[in-house]
Amino acid sequence: MEIRIKYCASWNYQPRAAGLADEIKQNTGIVPTLEPGSGGVYDISADGTLLYSKHKTGSFPDNNEILAKIRKFEKQKG
């Protein structure tokens, strides 16, 4: 599975994205790809499917929330 974290570089979301990537790696063994973006973006996707978008929710996710979404996505994919 490919996990991608797209973060806003101009707002310095990189440390937050790197922390989430580390947590995902520790809990799943998957090494996420970090992708710089702009405009306040903070999106997490799995195999091209958007799991979380800061633009849609208005806030940053809790890391445990993202881990749960990844596990759920894995189960759905079989």
PDB file of N, CA and C in Angstrom:
ATOM      1  N   MET A   1       0.845  -1.177   0.000  1.00  0.00           N
ATOM      2  CA  MET A   1       0.000   0.000   0.000  1.00  0.00           C
ATOM      3  C   MET A   1       0.887   1.235   0.000  1.00  0.00           C
ATOM      4  N   GLU A   2       0.471   2.222  -0.779  1.00  0.00           N
ATOM      5  CA  GLU A   2       1.191   3.491  -0.811  1.00  0.00           C
ATOM      6  C   GLU A   2       0.421   4.529   0.004  1.00  0.00           C
ATOM      7  N   ILE A   3       1.091   5.101   0.983  1.00  0.00           N
ATOM      8  CA  ILE A   3       0.528   6.194   1.780  1.00  0.00           C
ATOM      9  C   ILE A   3       1.247   7.471   1.367  1.00  0.00           C
ATOM     10  N   ARG A   4       0.466   8.504   1.080  1.00  0.00           N
ATOM     11  CA  ARG A   4       1.037   9.790   0.681  1.00  0.00           C
ATOM     12  C   ARG A   4       0.502  10.865   1.611  1.00  0.00           C
ATOM     13  N   ILE A   5       1.415  11.682   2.122  1.00  0.00           N
ATOM     14  CA  ILE A   5       1.043  12.820   2.962  1.00  0.00           C
ATOM     15  C   ILE A   5       1.455  14.081   2.215  1.00  0.00           C
ATOM     16  N   LYS A   6       0.468  14.838   1.771  1.00  0.00           N
ATOM     17  CA  LYS A   6       0.730  16.105   1.091  1.00  0.00           C
ATOM     18  C   LYS A   6       0.533  17.222   2.106  1.00  0.00           C
ATOM     19  N   TYR A   7       1.558  18.042   2.271  1.00  0.00           N
ATOM     20  CA  TYR A   7       1.548  19.076   3.314  1.00  0.00           C
ATOM     21  C   TYR A   7       1.935  20.430   2.730  1.00  0.00           C
ATOM     22  N   CYS A   8       1.494  21.479   3.378  1.00  0.00           N
ATOM     23  CA  CYS A   8       1.813  22.839   2.956  1.00  0.00           C
ATOM     24  C   CYS A   8       3.221  23.205   3.433  1.00  0.00           C
ATOM     25  N   ALA A   9       4.117  23.421   2.476  1.00  0.00           N
ATOM     26  CA  ALA A   9       5.495  23.784   2.812  1.00  0.00           C
ATOM     27  C   ALA A   9       5.581  25.236   3.290  1.00  0.00           C
ATOM     28  N   SER A  10       4.787  26.111   2.708  1.00  0.00           N
ATOM     29  CA  SER A  10       4.875  27.535   3.072  1.00  0.00           C
ATOM     30  C   SER A  10       4.372  27.800   4.492  1.00  0.00           C
ATOM     31  N   TRP A  11       3.478  26.949   4.997  1.00  0.00           N
ATOM     32  CA  TRP A  11       3.003  27.084   6.371  1.00  0.00           C
ATOM     33  C   TRP A  11       3.783  26.185   7.334  1.00  0.00           C
ATOM     34  N   ASN A  12       4.847  25.565   6.830  1.00  0.00           N
ATOM     35  CA  ASN A  12       5.752  24.724   7.625  1.00  0.00           C
ATOM     36  C   ASN A  12       5.023  23.562   8.305  1.00  0.00           C
ATOM     37  N   TYR A  13       4.185  22.865   7.555  1.00  0.00           N
ATOM     38  CA  TYR A  13       3.513  21.674   8.079  1.00  0.00           C
ATOM     39  C   TYR A  13       4.407  20.439   7.992  1.00  0.00           C
ATOM     40  N   GLN A  14       5.623  20.592   7.452  1.00  0.00           N
ATOM     41  CA  GLN A  14       6.510  19.456   7.253  1.00  0.00           C
ATOM     42  C   GLN A  14       6.816  18.703   8.551  1.00  0.00           C
ATOM     43  N   PRO A  15       7.133  19.379   9.666  1.00  0.00           N
ATOM     44  CA  PRO A  15       7.403  18.621  10.898  1.00  0.00           C
ATOM     45  C   PRO A  15       6.207  17.764  11.336  1.00  0.00           C
ATOM     46  N   ARG A  16       5.017  18.287  11.196  1.00  0.00           N
ATOM     47  CA  ARG A  16       3.807  17.540  11.551  1.00  0.00           C
ATOM     48  C   ARG A  16       3.654  16.323  10.626  1.00  0.00           C
ATOM     49  N   ALA A  17       3.868  16.536   9.342  1.00  0.00           N
ATOM     50  CA  ALA A  17       3.762  15.448   8.369  1.00  0.00           C
ATOM     51  C   ALA A  17       4.820  14.374   8.635  1.00  0.00           C
ATOM     52  N   ALA A  18       6.027  14.799   8.962  1.00  0.00           N
ATOM     53  CA  ALA A  18       7.108  13.847   9.252  1.00  0.00           C
ATOM     54  C   ALA A  18       6.795  13.040  10.507  1.00  0.00           C
ATOM     55  N   GLY A  19       6.211  13.677  11.504  1.00  0.00           N
ATOM     56  CA  GLY A  19       5.822  12.968  12.723  1.00  0.00           C
ATOM     57  C   GLY A  19       4.757  11.916  12.446  1.00  0.00           C
ATOM     58  N   LEU A  20       3.779  12.268  11.625  1.00  0.00           N
ATOM     59  CA  LEU A  20       2.743  11.311  11.251  1.00  0.00           C
ATOM     60  C   LEU A  20       3.355  10.162  10.447  1.00  0.00           C
ATOM     61  N   ALA A  21       4.255  10.488   9.532  1.00  0.00           N
ATOM     62  CA  ALA A  21       4.908   9.459   8.723  1.00  0.00           C
ATOM     63  C   ALA A  21       5.665   8.475   9.617  1.00  0.00           C
ATOM     64  N   ASP A  22       6.371   8.990  10.623  1.00  0.00           N
ATOM     65  CA  ASP A  22       7.093   8.115  11.562  1.00  0.00           C
ATOM     66  C   ASP A  22       6.138   7.200  12.311  1.00  0.00           C
ATOM     67  N   GLU A  23       5.029   7.750  12.750  1.00  0.00           N
ATOM     68  CA  GLU A  23       4.050   6.950  13.485  1.00  0.00           C
ATOM     69  C   GLU A  23       3.431   5.866  12.596  1.00  0.00           C
ATOM     70  N   ILE A  24       3.134   6.217  11.363  1.00  0.00           N
ATOM     71  CA  ILE A  24       2.594   5.234  10.423  1.00  0.00           C
ATOM     72  C   ILE A  24       3.610   4.113  10.201  1.00  0.00           C
ATOM     73  N   LYS A  25       4.872   4.490  10.011  1.00  0.00           N
ATOM     74  CA  LYS A  25       5.917   3.492   9.788  1.00  0.00           C
ATOM     75  C   LYS A  25       6.063   2.557  10.995  1.00  0.00           C
ATOM     76  N   GLN A  26       6.057   3.118  12.194  1.00  0.00           N
ATOM     77  CA  GLN A  26       6.206   2.323  13.420  1.00  0.00           C
ATOM     78  C   GLN A  26       5.037   1.359  13.607  1.00  0.00           C
ATOM     79  N   ASN A  27       3.839   1.788  13.247  1.00  0.00           N
ATOM     80  CA  ASN A  27       2.642   0.982  13.514  1.00  0.00           C
ATOM     81  C   ASN A  27       2.242   0.040  12.384  1.00  0.00           C
ATOM     82  N   THR A  28       2.660   0.345  11.153  1.00  0.00           N
ATOM     83  CA  THR A  28       2.226  -0.472  10.022  1.00  0.00           C
ATOM     84  C   THR A  28       3.375  -1.051   9.204  1.00  0.00           C
ATOM     85  N   GLY A  29       4.562  -0.478   9.350  1.00  0.00           N
ATOM     86  CA  GLY A  29       5.689  -0.893   8.530  1.00  0.00           C
ATOM     87  C   GLY A  29       5.716  -0.209   7.172  1.00  0.00           C
ATOM     88  N   ILE A  30       4.691   0.579   6.873  1.00  0.00           N
ATOM     89  CA  ILE A  30       4.612   1.307   5.602  1.00  0.00           C
ATOM     90  C   ILE A  30       5.369   2.627   5.740  1.00  0.00           C
ATOM     91  N   VAL A  31       6.216   2.929   4.759  1.00  0.00           N
ATOM     92  CA  VAL A  31       6.943   4.202   4.758  1.00  0.00           C
ATOM     93  C   VAL A  31       6.189   5.173   3.849  1.00  0.00           C
ATOM     94  N   PRO A  32       5.515   6.161   4.435  1.00  0.00           N
ATOM     95  CA  PRO A  32       4.749   7.114   3.623  1.00  0.00           C
ATOM     96  C   PRO A  32       5.654   8.023   2.789  1.00  0.00           C
ATOM     97  N   THR A  33       5.100   8.504   1.699  1.00  0.00           N
ATOM     98  CA  THR A  33       5.758   9.501   0.866  1.00  0.00           C
ATOM     99  C   THR A  33       5.286  10.873   1.321  1.00  0.00           C
ATOM    100  N   LEU A  34       6.234  11.774   1.554  1.00  0.00           N
ATOM    101  CA  LEU A  34       5.898  13.152   1.911  1.00  0.00           C
ATOM    102  C   LEU A  34       5.974  13.994   0.646  1.00  0.00           C
ATOM    103  N   GLU A  35       4.915  14.760   0.400  1.00  0.00           N
ATOM    104  CA  GLU A  35       4.832  15.570  -0.811  1.00  0.00           C
ATOM    105  C   GLU A  35       4.543  17.020  -0.439  1.00  0.00           C
ATOM    106  N   PRO A  36       5.495  17.923  -0.680  1.00  0.00           N
ATOM    107  CA  PRO A  36       5.240  19.329  -0.379  1.00  0.00           C
ATOM    108  C   PRO A  36       4.170  19.905  -1.293  1.00  0.00           C
ATOM    109  N   GLY A  37       3.367  20.787  -0.726  1.00  0.00           N
ATOM    110  CA  GLY A  37       2.325  21.472  -1.478  1.00  0.00           C
ATOM    111  C   GLY A  37       2.217  22.903  -0.985  1.00  0.00           C
ATOM    112  N   SER A  38       1.080  23.517  -1.246  1.00  0.00           N
ATOM    113  CA  SER A  38       0.868  24.907  -0.824  1.00  0.00           C
ATOM    114  C   SER A  38      -0.602  25.121  -0.510  1.00  0.00           C
ATOM    115  N   GLY A  39      -0.927  26.313  -0.070  1.00  0.00           N
ATOM    116  CA  GLY A  39      -2.324  26.674   0.167  1.00  0.00           C
ATOM    117  C   GLY A  39      -2.933  26.069   1.420  1.00  0.00           C
ATOM    118  N   GLY A  40      -2.100  25.674   2.380  1.00  0.00           N
ATOM    119  CA  GLY A  40      -2.615  25.120   3.629  1.00  0.00           C
ATOM    120  C   GLY A  40      -3.017  23.659   3.532  1.00  0.00           C
ATOM    121  N   VAL A  41      -2.573  22.974   2.477  1.00  0.00           N
ATOM    122  CA  VAL A  41      -2.962  21.580   2.265  1.00  0.00           C
ATOM    123  C   VAL A  41      -2.346  20.660   3.326  1.00  0.00           C
ATOM    124  N   TYR A  42      -3.133  19.694   3.745  1.00  0.00           N
ATOM    125  CA  TYR A  42      -2.663  18.609   4.613  1.00  0.00           C
ATOM    126  C   TYR A  42      -3.586  17.425   4.337  1.00  0.00           C
ATOM    127  N   ASP A  43      -3.213  16.635   3.327  1.00  0.00           N
ATOM    128  CA  ASP A  43      -4.035  15.520   2.857  1.00  0.00           C
ATOM    129  C   ASP A  43      -3.289  14.213   3.051  1.00  0.00           C
ATOM    130  N   ILE A  44      -4.004  13.197   3.477  1.00  0.00           N
ATOM    131  CA  ILE A  44      -3.435  11.863   3.620  1.00  0.00           C
ATOM    132  C   ILE A  44      -4.230  10.940   2.713  1.00  0.00           C
ATOM    133  N   SER A  45      -3.513  10.204   1.842  1.00  0.00           N
ATOM    134  CA  SER A  45      -4.176   9.279   0.937  1.00  0.00           C
ATOM    135  C   SER A  45      -3.502   7.915   0.983  1.00  0.00           C
ATOM    136  N   ALA A  46      -4.282   6.894   0.644  1.00  0.00           N
ATOM    137  CA  ALA A  46      -3.800   5.514   0.566  1.00  0.00           C
ATOM    138  C   ALA A  46      -4.157   4.991  -0.816  1.00  0.00           C
ATOM    139  N   ASP A  47      -3.151   4.573  -1.555  1.00  0.00           N
ATOM    140  CA  ASP A  47      -3.355   4.058  -2.910  1.00  0.00           C
ATOM    141  C   ASP A  47      -4.226   4.992  -3.746  1.00  0.00           C
ATOM    142  N   GLY A  48      -4.006   6.287  -3.597  1.00  0.00           N
ATOM    143  CA  GLY A  48      -4.735   7.277  -4.383  1.00  0.00           C
ATOM    144  C   GLY A  48      -6.106   7.658  -3.851  1.00  0.00           C
ATOM    145  N   THR A  49      -6.550   7.004  -2.771  1.00  0.00           N
ATOM    146  CA  THR A  49      -7.843   7.314  -2.166  1.00  0.00           C
ATOM    147  C   THR A  49      -7.627   8.276  -0.999  1.00  0.00           C
ATOM    148  N   LEU A  50      -8.296   9.422  -1.031  1.00  0.00           N
ATOM    149  CA  LEU A  50      -8.157  10.411   0.028  1.00  0.00           C
ATOM    150  C   LEU A  50      -8.773   9.894   1.327  1.00  0.00           C
ATOM    151  N   LEU A  51      -7.945   9.810   2.372  1.00  0.00           N
ATOM    152  CA  LEU A  51      -8.431   9.364   3.674  1.00  0.00           C
ATOM    153  C   LEU A  51      -8.754  10.539   4.591  1.00  0.00           C
ATOM    154  N   TYR A  52      -8.027  11.642   4.411  1.00  0.00           N
ATOM    155  CA  TYR A  52      -8.232  12.801   5.281  1.00  0.00           C
ATOM    156  C   TYR A  52      -7.800  14.056   4.544  1.00  0.00           C
ATOM    157  N   SER A  53      -8.569  15.126   4.702  1.00  0.00           N
ATOM    158  CA  SER A  53      -8.237  16.419   4.126  1.00  0.00           C
ATOM    159  C   SER A  53      -8.510  17.518   5.150  1.00  0.00           C
ATOM    160  N   LYS A  54      -7.468  18.266   5.479  1.00  0.00           N
ATOM    161  CA  LYS A  54      -7.625  19.390   6.399  1.00  0.00           C
ATOM    162  C   LYS A  54      -8.581  20.441   5.824  1.00  0.00           C
ATOM    163  N   HIS A  55      -8.586  20.592   4.502  1.00  0.00           N
ATOM    164  CA  HIS A  55      -9.501  21.557   3.875  1.00  0.00           C
ATOM    165  C   HIS A  55     -10.964  21.181   4.118  1.00  0.00           C
ATOM    166  N   LYS A  56     -11.264  19.892   4.147  1.00  0.00           N
ATOM    167  CA  LYS A  56     -12.647  19.452   4.360  1.00  0.00           C
ATOM    168  C   LYS A  56     -13.067  19.551   5.820  1.00  0.00           C
ATOM    169  N   THR A  57     -12.138  19.286   6.745  1.00  0.00           N
ATOM    170  CA  THR A  57     -12.497  19.253   8.165  1.00  0.00           C
ATOM    171  C   THR A  57     -12.215  20.560   8.886  1.00  0.00           C
ATOM    172  N   GLY A  58     -11.259  21.324   8.382  1.00  0.00           N
ATOM    173  CA  GLY A  58     -10.893  22.575   9.036  1.00  0.00           C
ATOM    174  C   GLY A  58      -9.888  22.410  10.162  1.00  0.00           C
ATOM    175  N   SER A  59      -9.419  21.186  10.380  1.00  0.00           N
ATOM    176  CA  SER A  59      -8.443  20.964  11.455  1.00  0.00           C
ATOM    177  C   SER A  59      -7.500  19.820  11.090  1.00  0.00           C
ATOM    178  N   PHE A  60      -6.426  19.747  11.839  1.00  0.00           N
ATOM    179  CA  PHE A  60      -5.480  18.655  11.657  1.00  0.00           C
ATOM    180  C   PHE A  60      -6.036  17.385  12.295  1.00  0.00           C
ATOM    181  N   PRO A  61      -5.682  16.231  11.744  1.00  0.00           N
ATOM    182  CA  PRO A  61      -6.160  14.974  12.323  1.00  0.00           C
ATOM    183  C   PRO A  61      -5.317  14.545  13.508  1.00  0.00           C
ATOM    184  N   ASP A  62      -5.902  13.734  14.343  1.00  0.00           N
ATOM    185  CA  ASP A  62      -5.162  13.045  15.388  1.00  0.00           C
ATOM    186  C   ASP A  62      -4.461  11.862  14.713  1.00  0.00           C
ATOM    187  N   ASN A  63      -3.205  11.597  15.080  1.00  0.00           N
ATOM    188  CA  ASN A  63      -2.462  10.503  14.450  1.00  0.00           C
ATOM    189  C   ASN A  63      -3.183   9.169  14.588  1.00  0.00           C
ATOM    190  N   ASN A  64      -3.808   8.919  15.740  1.00  0.00           N
ATOM    191  CA  ASN A  64      -4.543   7.664  15.936  1.00  0.00           C
ATOM    192  C   ASN A  64      -5.729   7.561  14.986  1.00  0.00           C
ATOM    193  N   GLU A  65      -6.347   8.689  14.687  1.00  0.00           N
ATOM    194  CA  GLU A  65      -7.457   8.718  13.728  1.00  0.00           C
ATOM    195  C   GLU A  65      -6.973   8.264  12.347  1.00  0.00           C
ATOM    196  N   ILE A  66      -5.803   8.730  11.948  1.00  0.00           N
ATOM    197  CA  ILE A  66      -5.254   8.351  10.645  1.00  0.00           C
ATOM    198  C   ILE A  66      -4.876   6.877  10.630  1.00  0.00           C
ATOM    199  N   LEU A  67      -4.283   6.389  11.701  1.00  0.00           N
ATOM    200  CA  LEU A  67      -3.934   4.970  11.771  1.00  0.00           C
ATOM    201  C   LEU A  67      -5.181   4.097  11.656  1.00  0.00           C
ATOM    202  N   ALA A  68      -6.264   4.502  12.299  1.00  0.00           N
ATOM    203  CA  ALA A  68      -7.521   3.761  12.214  1.00  0.00           C
ATOM    204  C   ALA A  68      -8.061   3.778  10.785  1.00  0.00           C
ATOM    205  N   LYS A  69      -7.970   4.915  10.105  1.00  0.00           N
ATOM    206  CA  LYS A  69      -8.442   5.016   8.725  1.00  0.00           C
ATOM    207  C   LYS A  69      -7.603   4.124   7.801  1.00  0.00           C
ATOM    208  N   ILE A  70      -6.302   4.061   8.054  1.00  0.00           N
ATOM    209  CA  ILE A  70      -5.429   3.199   7.244  1.00  0.00           C
ATOM    210  C   ILE A  70      -5.800   1.738   7.456  1.00  0.00           C
ATOM    211  N   ARG A  71      -6.004   1.335   8.697  1.00  0.00           N
ATOM    212  CA  ARG A  71      -6.380  -0.055   8.989  1.00  0.00           C
ATOM    213  C   ARG A  71      -7.719  -0.417   8.337  1.00  0.00           C
ATOM    214  N   LYS A  72      -8.664   0.502   8.421  1.00  0.00           N
ATOM    215  CA  LYS A  72      -9.970   0.273   7.812  1.00  0.00           C
ATOM    216  C   LYS A  72      -9.846   0.137   6.293  1.00  0.00           C
ATOM    217  N   PHE A  73      -9.035   0.987   5.690  1.00  0.00           N
ATOM    218  CA  PHE A  73      -8.820   0.941   4.253  1.00  0.00           C
ATOM    219  C   PHE A  73      -8.174  -0.396   3.852  1.00  0.00           C
ATOM    220  N   GLU A  74      -7.205  -0.858   4.642  1.00  0.00           N
ATOM    221  CA  GLU A  74      -6.546  -2.142   4.367  1.00  0.00           C
ATOM    222  C   GLU A  74      -7.561  -3.289   4.391  1.00  0.00           C
ATOM    223  N   LYS A  75      -8.453  -3.291   5.388  1.00  0.00           N
ATOM    224  CA  LYS A  75      -9.463  -4.345   5.495  1.00  0.00           C
ATOM    225  C   LYS A  75     -10.417  -4.317   4.304  1.00  0.00           C
ATOM    226  N   GLN A  76     -10.799  -3.131   3.872  1.00  0.00           N
ATOM    227  CA  GLN A  76     -11.722  -2.996   2.750  1.00  0.00           C
ATOM    228  C   GLN A  76     -11.095  -3.492   1.442  1.00  0.00           C
ATOM    229  N   LYS A  77      -9.785  -3.287   1.315  1.00  0.00           N
ATOM    230  CA  LYS A  77      -9.094  -3.710   0.100  1.00  0.00           C
ATOM    231  C   LYS A  77      -8.873  -5.218   0.087  1.00  0.00           C
ATOM    232  N   GLY A  78      -8.944  -5.822   1.285  1.00  0.00           N
ATOM    233  CA  GLY A  78      -8.807  -7.273   1.394  1.00  0.00           C
ATOM    234  C   GLY A  78      -7.412  -7.697   1.379  1.00  0.00           C
TER     235      GLY A  78
END
